[in-house]
Protein backbone atom coordinates (compact mmCIF):
# COMPACT_ATOMS: atom_id res chain seq x y z
CA UNK A 1 0.00 0.00 0.00
CA UNK A 2 1.11 3.54 -0.77
CA UNK A 3 0.06 6.43 1.44
CA UNK A 4 -1.13 9.26 -0.81
CA UNK A 5 -2.87 11.32 1.85
CA UNK A 6 -2.88 11.60 5.63
CA UNK A 7 -4.89 14.32 7.35
CA UNK A 8 -6.04 15.04 10.88
CA UNK A 9 -9.81 14.81 11.37
CA UNK A 10 -10.76 15.21 15.02
CA UNK A 11 -9.66 14.75 18.62
CA UNK A 12 -12.04 14.05 21.46
CA UNK A 13 -12.65 12.06 24.64
CA UNK A 14 -16.13 10.81 23.71
CA UNK A 15 -16.36 7.77 21.40
CA UNK A 16 -19.85 8.93 20.42
CA UNK A 17 -18.26 11.97 18.79
CA UNK A 18 -15.86 9.94 16.65
CA UNK A 19 -16.35 10.05 12.86
CA UNK A 20 -19.10 7.98 11.30
CA UNK A 21 -17.94 4.32 11.14
CA UNK A 22 -18.26 4.15 7.36
CA UNK A 23 -14.74 2.91 6.59
CA UNK A 24 -12.21 0.50 8.13
CA UNK A 25 -10.39 1.80 11.19
CA UNK A 26 -7.08 0.87 12.81
CA UNK A 27 -6.06 1.89 16.31
CA UNK A 28 -2.52 2.24 17.68
CA UNK A 29 -1.92 2.01 21.40
CA UNK A 30 0.86 1.20 23.85
CA UNK A 31 2.49 2.13 27.10
CA UNK A 32 3.73 5.67 27.46
CA UNK A 33 7.03 6.36 25.70
CA UNK A 34 6.83 3.23 23.54
CA UNK A 35 7.42 5.24 20.36
CA UNK A 36 3.84 5.27 19.12
CA UNK A 37 3.81 8.73 17.55
CA UNK A 38 7.15 8.15 15.84
CA UNK A 39 5.92 4.88 14.35
CA UNK A 40 2.67 6.44 13.13
CA UNK A 41 4.59 9.25 11.47
CA UNK A 42 6.89 6.73 9.80
CA UNK A 43 3.94 4.70 8.53
CA UNK A 44 2.37 7.69 6.77
CA UNK A 45 5.70 9.35 5.91
CA UNK A 46 4.66 12.55 7.67
CA UNK A 47 7.10 13.64 10.39
CA UNK A 48 4.55 15.86 12.10
CA UNK A 49 1.21 14.04 11.78
CA UNK A 50 1.18 12.57 15.29
CA UNK A 51 2.75 14.83 17.90
CA UNK A 52 5.89 13.38 19.44
CA UNK A 53 7.14 14.38 22.86
CA UNK A 54 9.82 13.42 25.37
CA UNK A 55 7.16 13.74 28.05
CA UNK A 56 5.19 10.49 28.59
CA UNK A 57 1.42 10.80 28.51
CA UNK A 58 1.36 13.51 25.82
CA UNK A 59 -1.48 11.84 23.90
CA UNK A 60 -4.60 12.29 26.00
CA UNK A 61 -7.32 12.15 23.35
CA UNK A 62 -8.74 9.85 20.69
CA UNK A 63 -7.08 11.23 17.55
CA UNK A 64 -8.57 10.33 14.16
CA UNK A 65 -6.65 10.72 10.91
CA UNK A 66 -8.10 9.99 7.48
CA UNK A 67 -5.81 8.08 5.16
CA UNK A 68 -6.08 7.90 1.35
CA UNK A 69 -9.46 9.65 1.27
CA UNK A 70 -9.10 10.12 -2.48
CA UNK A 71 -10.91 8.96 -5.59
CA UNK A 72 -9.79 5.48 -6.60
CA UNK A 73 -8.44 4.64 -3.14
CA UNK A 74 -9.87 2.69 -0.22
CA UNK A 75 -10.11 5.31 2.54
CA UNK A 76 -9.48 4.33 6.14
CA UNK A 77 -8.98 5.83 9.57
CA UNK A 78 -5.81 5.67 11.61
CA UNK A 79 -6.47 6.27 15.31
CA UNK A 80 -3.86 7.39 17.82
CA UNK A 81 -5.05 6.44 21.31
CA UNK A 82 -3.82 7.63 24.72
CA UNK A 83 -0.94 5.65 26.15
CA UNK A 84 -1.08 3.67 29.35
CA UNK A 85 1.31 2.51 32.03
CA UNK A 86 4.12 4.69 33.24
CA UNK A 87 2.88 8.14 32.30
CA UNK A 88 3.79 10.64 35.02
CA UNK A 89 0.28 11.94 35.39
CA UNK A 90 -2.13 11.98 38.34
CA UNK A 91 -4.11 8.83 39.12
CA UNK A 92 -7.35 10.58 38.16
CA UNK A 93 -5.96 11.26 34.68
CA UNK A 94 -4.78 7.65 34.30
CA UNK A 95 -8.27 6.47 35.21
CA UNK A 96 -9.71 8.90 32.68
CA UNK A 97 -7.39 7.48 30.01
CA UNK A 98 -8.57 3.95 30.83
CA UNK A 99 -12.21 4.98 30.56
CA UNK A 100 -11.64 6.70 27.21
CA UNK A 101 -9.75 3.70 25.81
CA UNK A 102 -12.32 1.13 26.96
CA UNK A 103 -15.22 3.20 25.67
CA UNK A 104 -13.59 3.58 22.28
CA UNK A 105 -12.46 -0.02 21.82
CA UNK A 106 -15.84 -1.50 22.75
CA UNK A 107 -17.97 0.87 20.67
CA UNK A 108 -16.37 1.18 17.23
CA UNK A 109 -18.13 -1.23 14.87
CA UNK A 110 -15.63 -0.55 12.07
CA UNK A 111 -12.51 -1.28 14.13
CA UNK A 112 -10.52 -3.85 12.16
CA UNK A 113 -7.36 -4.18 14.23
CA UNK A 114 -5.76 -2.81 17.38
CA UNK A 115 -2.00 -2.51 16.98
CA UNK A 116 -0.52 -2.94 20.46
CA UNK A 117 2.95 -1.40 20.58
CA UNK A 118 5.58 -3.04 22.80
CA UNK A 119 9.14 -1.90 23.49
CA UNK A 120 11.19 -4.88 22.39
CA UNK A 121 14.15 -3.88 24.56
CA UNK A 122 12.52 -4.84 27.84
CA UNK A 123 11.13 -8.14 29.20
CA UNK A 124 7.38 -8.85 29.01
CA UNK A 125 5.53 -6.44 31.27
CA UNK A 126 2.43 -7.37 33.25
CA UNK A 127 0.58 -4.24 32.13
CA UNK A 128 1.03 -5.18 28.45
CA UNK A 129 0.06 -8.79 29.06
CA UNK A 130 -3.01 -7.76 31.06
CA UNK A 131 -4.10 -5.35 28.33
CA UNK A 132 -3.83 -7.99 25.61
CA UNK A 133 -5.60 -10.48 27.85
CA UNK A 134 -8.56 -8.11 28.08
CA UNK A 135 -8.58 -7.67 24.32
CA UNK A 136 -8.69 -11.44 23.92
CA UNK A 137 -11.46 -11.83 26.47
CA UNK A 138 -13.53 -9.22 24.64
CA UNK A 139 -12.73 -10.84 21.27
CA UNK A 140 -11.20 -7.65 19.93
CA UNK A 141 -8.81 -8.17 17.00
CA UNK A 142 -5.23 -7.14 17.73
CA UNK A 143 -1.64 -7.53 16.59
CA UNK A 144 1.58 -7.03 18.53
CA UNK A 145 3.99 -4.40 17.21
CA UNK A 146 7.49 -4.52 18.63
CA UNK A 147 9.22 -1.12 18.58
CA UNK A 148 12.70 0.36 18.97
CA UNK A 149 14.35 -2.70 17.48
CA UNK A 150 17.23 -0.63 16.12
CA UNK A 151 18.45 -0.34 19.73
CA UNK A 152 18.71 -4.09 20.26
CA UNK A 153 22.03 -5.87 19.94
CA UNK A 154 22.52 -8.80 17.59
CA UNK A 155 20.65 -11.86 18.77
CA UNK A 156 18.52 -9.87 21.17
CA UNK A 157 15.47 -9.94 18.96
CA UNK A 158 15.06 -13.68 19.06
CA UNK A 159 15.56 -13.71 22.81
CA UNK A 160 12.85 -11.05 23.17
CA UNK A 161 10.45 -12.94 20.92
CA UNK A 162 11.10 -16.18 22.81
CA UNK A 163 10.34 -14.43 26.10
CA UNK A 164 7.06 -13.13 24.76
CA UNK A 165 6.14 -16.49 23.24
CA UNK A 166 6.60 -18.06 26.66
CA UNK A 167 4.61 -15.36 28.44
CA UNK A 168 1.78 -15.31 25.89
CA UNK A 169 1.53 -19.12 25.90
CA UNK A 170 0.09 -18.85 29.39
CA UNK A 171 -2.73 -16.67 28.04
CA UNK A 172 -3.37 -17.61 24.41
CA UNK A 173 -3.48 -20.92 22.56
CA UNK A 174 -1.48 -19.45 19.69
CA UNK A 175 0.99 -16.60 19.48
CA UNK A 176 -0.77 -13.50 18.09
CA UNK A 177 0.17 -11.89 14.81
CA UNK A 178 3.18 -9.64 15.34
CA UNK A 179 5.36 -7.13 13.53
CA UNK A 180 8.95 -6.13 14.25
CA UNK A 181 9.44 -2.43 13.56
CA UNK A 182 11.74 0.54 13.76
CA UNK A 183 10.59 4.12 13.34
CA UNK A 184 14.21 5.01 12.59
CA UNK A 185 14.95 2.56 9.76
CA UNK A 186 11.39 2.00 8.59
CA UNK A 187 11.59 -1.73 9.23
CA UNK A 188 8.15 -3.30 9.44
CA UNK A 189 6.39 -0.38 7.75
CA UNK A 190 5.58 -2.23 4.53
CA UNK A 191 4.42 -5.31 6.43
CA UNK A 192 1.96 -3.34 8.56
CA UNK A 193 0.62 -1.41 5.57
CA UNK A 194 0.27 -4.62 3.55
CA UNK A 195 -1.75 -6.13 6.39
CA UNK A 196 -3.99 -3.06 6.56
CA UNK A 197 -4.39 -3.24 2.79
CA UNK A 198 -5.46 -6.88 3.10
CA UNK A 199 -8.07 -6.04 5.72
CA UNK A 200 -9.25 -3.08 3.66
CA UNK A 201 -9.85 -5.47 0.78
CA UNK A 202 -11.97 -7.70 2.99
CA UNK A 203 -13.94 -4.65 4.16
CA UNK A 204 -14.58 -3.59 0.55
CA UNK A 205 -15.99 -7.02 -0.26
CA UNK A 206 -18.09 -7.19 2.87
CA UNK A 207 -18.50 -3.85 4.68
CA UNK A 208 -20.68 -5.28 7.42
CA UNK A 209 -20.94 -3.97 10.93
CA UNK A 210 -18.58 -6.02 13.08
CA UNK A 211 -19.08 -6.90 16.71
CA UNK A 212 -16.23 -5.35 18.72
């Protein structure tokens, strides 16, 4: 897939105010400081589409971007969700984030995949595992996206994947779909976009309301 257009649409904290669910939608989420904004910008080849910050917890809203909303293209929404985990914000704000995220994920009928970003440099974290467990329990489609792989020494990738395979085996019967990425080198970009393109094709053939 080629990205010909990427434009901001709306930010809000109320899923009911999100754009009409008339096209496939893909959400990106992860713990604070996982590199989510950088990866999104790399995917669409726009260095300033999603706001990056050295301060964890910068994204505090549901941010919708329309992608390839052009004649002859299959338009879709990219959604940048608030981070979770180690953001240095008050407990009340963290609880607000959780409420926003849950409300969004369980209400969007056009949500095709939730890309869960995970820092590949660190061992499996309970907060990530718990989040994916909840997605599985609610039968929400997701894929794991390992980030910051350019910072891992040779051989470290396989060790990280093995650790996650072991941890996820206690939760899921099969290891979820995953992508290995780098916002610096662009690794994994084509694979993620090809997967989105595949799901977009399925949506075009059968644009039914999905249970999420």
